[in-house]
Protein backbone atom coordinates (compact mmCIF):
# COMPACT_ATOMS: atom_id res chain seq x y z
CA MET A 1 -147.83 2.43 -74.31
CA SER A 2 -144.63 3.80 -72.86
CA ASN A 3 -144.12 7.50 -72.20
CA HIS A 4 -140.48 7.31 -73.26
CA VAL A 5 -138.16 6.10 -76.00
CA GLN A 6 -135.17 3.95 -75.04
CA ILE A 7 -131.80 4.15 -76.77
CA HIS A 8 -128.86 2.03 -75.67
CA ILE A 9 -125.85 3.24 -77.62
CA ALA A 10 -123.83 0.01 -77.26
CA LYS A 11 -126.75 -2.18 -78.36
CA ASP A 12 -128.65 0.09 -80.76
CA PHE A 13 -125.69 1.79 -82.45
CA SER A 14 -122.16 0.59 -81.72
CA GLU A 15 -119.92 -0.64 -78.92
CA TYR A 16 -117.21 1.60 -80.42
CA PRO A 17 -118.69 5.06 -81.03
CA ALA A 18 -116.03 7.43 -82.29
CA GLY A 19 -115.48 10.48 -84.43
CA ARG A 20 -117.46 13.58 -85.15
CA TYR A 21 -118.50 13.30 -88.79
CA LYS A 22 -119.58 10.44 -91.04
CA GLU A 23 -116.33 10.68 -92.98
CA HIS A 24 -114.50 9.85 -89.73
CA GLY A 25 -116.01 6.37 -89.72
CA PRO A 26 -119.25 4.43 -89.52
CA ASN A 27 -119.76 5.03 -85.78
CA SER A 28 -119.62 8.83 -85.75
CA GLY A 29 -121.58 11.22 -83.59
CA GLU A 30 -123.14 12.70 -86.73
CA ARG A 31 -124.47 9.32 -87.85
CA PHE A 32 -125.76 8.46 -84.35
CA ARG A 33 -127.51 11.84 -84.17
CA ASP A 34 -129.05 11.69 -87.64
CA GLU A 35 -130.11 8.04 -87.63
CA ILE A 36 -131.07 7.38 -84.01
CA LEU A 37 -131.09 10.37 -81.64
CA ALA A 38 -132.87 13.03 -83.74
CA PRO A 39 -135.61 10.64 -84.93
CA ALA A 40 -136.25 9.64 -81.31
CA PHE A 41 -137.02 13.27 -80.47
CA LEU A 42 -138.74 14.28 -83.72
CA ASN A 43 -140.93 11.19 -84.18
CA ASN A 44 -142.09 11.04 -80.56
CA PRO A 45 -143.26 14.51 -79.53
CA GLY A 46 -143.94 14.80 -75.84
CA LYS A 47 -142.11 11.58 -75.00
CA ASN A 48 -138.94 11.49 -72.97
CA VAL A 49 -135.82 10.03 -74.55
CA HIS A 50 -133.75 7.78 -72.29
CA VAL A 51 -130.21 7.30 -73.58
CA ASN A 52 -128.15 4.58 -71.94
CA ILE A 53 -124.47 5.43 -72.39
CA GLY A 54 -123.23 2.44 -70.39
CA ASP A 55 -121.25 -0.54 -71.68
CA ILE A 56 -118.83 1.70 -73.60
CA LEU A 57 -115.20 2.05 -72.54
CA GLY A 58 -115.24 5.79 -73.14
CA TYR A 59 -116.57 8.55 -75.33
CA GLY A 60 -114.59 11.13 -77.20
CA SER A 61 -115.68 14.73 -76.87
CA SER A 62 -116.09 14.98 -80.64
CA PHE A 63 -118.64 12.14 -80.69
CA LEU A 64 -120.67 13.51 -77.78
CA GLU A 65 -120.56 17.12 -78.94
CA GLU A 66 -121.67 16.33 -82.50
CA ALA A 67 -124.39 13.93 -81.37
CA PHE A 68 -125.91 16.01 -78.59
CA GLY A 69 -124.80 19.58 -79.33
CA GLY A 70 -125.50 18.97 -83.01
CA LEU A 71 -129.07 18.04 -82.11
CA ILE A 72 -129.68 21.70 -81.30
CA ARG A 73 -127.72 23.13 -84.25
CA GLU A 74 -129.01 20.83 -86.97
CA TYR A 75 -132.65 20.22 -86.00
CA ASP A 76 -135.65 22.30 -85.06
CA LEU A 77 -135.30 21.46 -81.36
CA THR A 78 -134.72 23.87 -78.50
CA LYS A 79 -132.22 23.38 -75.70
CA GLU A 80 -135.07 23.62 -73.22
CA ASP A 81 -137.12 20.89 -74.91
CA VAL A 82 -134.16 18.53 -75.29
CA LEU A 83 -132.98 19.03 -71.70
CA ALA A 84 -136.52 18.55 -70.36
CA ARG A 85 -137.04 15.31 -72.32
CA LEU A 86 -133.55 13.78 -72.22
CA GLU A 87 -132.46 11.35 -69.53
CA ILE A 88 -128.91 10.06 -69.66
CA LYS A 89 -128.51 6.72 -67.92
CA ASN A 90 -125.47 4.79 -66.73
CA GLY A 91 -121.95 5.43 -67.95
CA LEU A 92 -119.48 7.80 -66.39
CA LYS A 93 -120.79 10.83 -64.51
CA SER A 94 -118.26 12.97 -66.40
CA ASP A 95 -119.76 11.86 -69.74
CA ARG A 96 -123.29 12.58 -68.52
CA LEU A 97 -122.23 16.08 -67.43
CA ARG A 98 -120.38 16.73 -70.72
CA ILE A 99 -123.53 15.84 -72.68
CA ILE A 100 -125.55 18.42 -70.73
CA ASP A 101 -122.80 21.03 -71.23
CA PHE A 102 -122.66 20.37 -74.98
CA ILE A 103 -126.42 20.86 -75.28
CA GLN A 104 -126.33 24.08 -73.24
CA GLU A 105 -123.40 25.47 -75.23
CA ALA A 106 -124.84 24.61 -78.66
């Protein structure tokens, strides 16, 4: 049994993630957070969550902020727990750093 949960945004969610809220389209940060990211944390206590952000041309700030910052605002998760368990893989270094900033600022 693995000690982590794997999420690959391009394969498990969409190759075209965009928008903050569900009303902004089917590939919003809110939908990704509610349907994939939050359950990965909540249903797997103690396990790390590896999120592969590769294979996407680029991420808008609104998508990343709602998905990752919203994880702290909308769910009973602490910044410390999320940062300790989250591993961002691949993708642009700037996107990886923005994700960490959005969590810390939430």
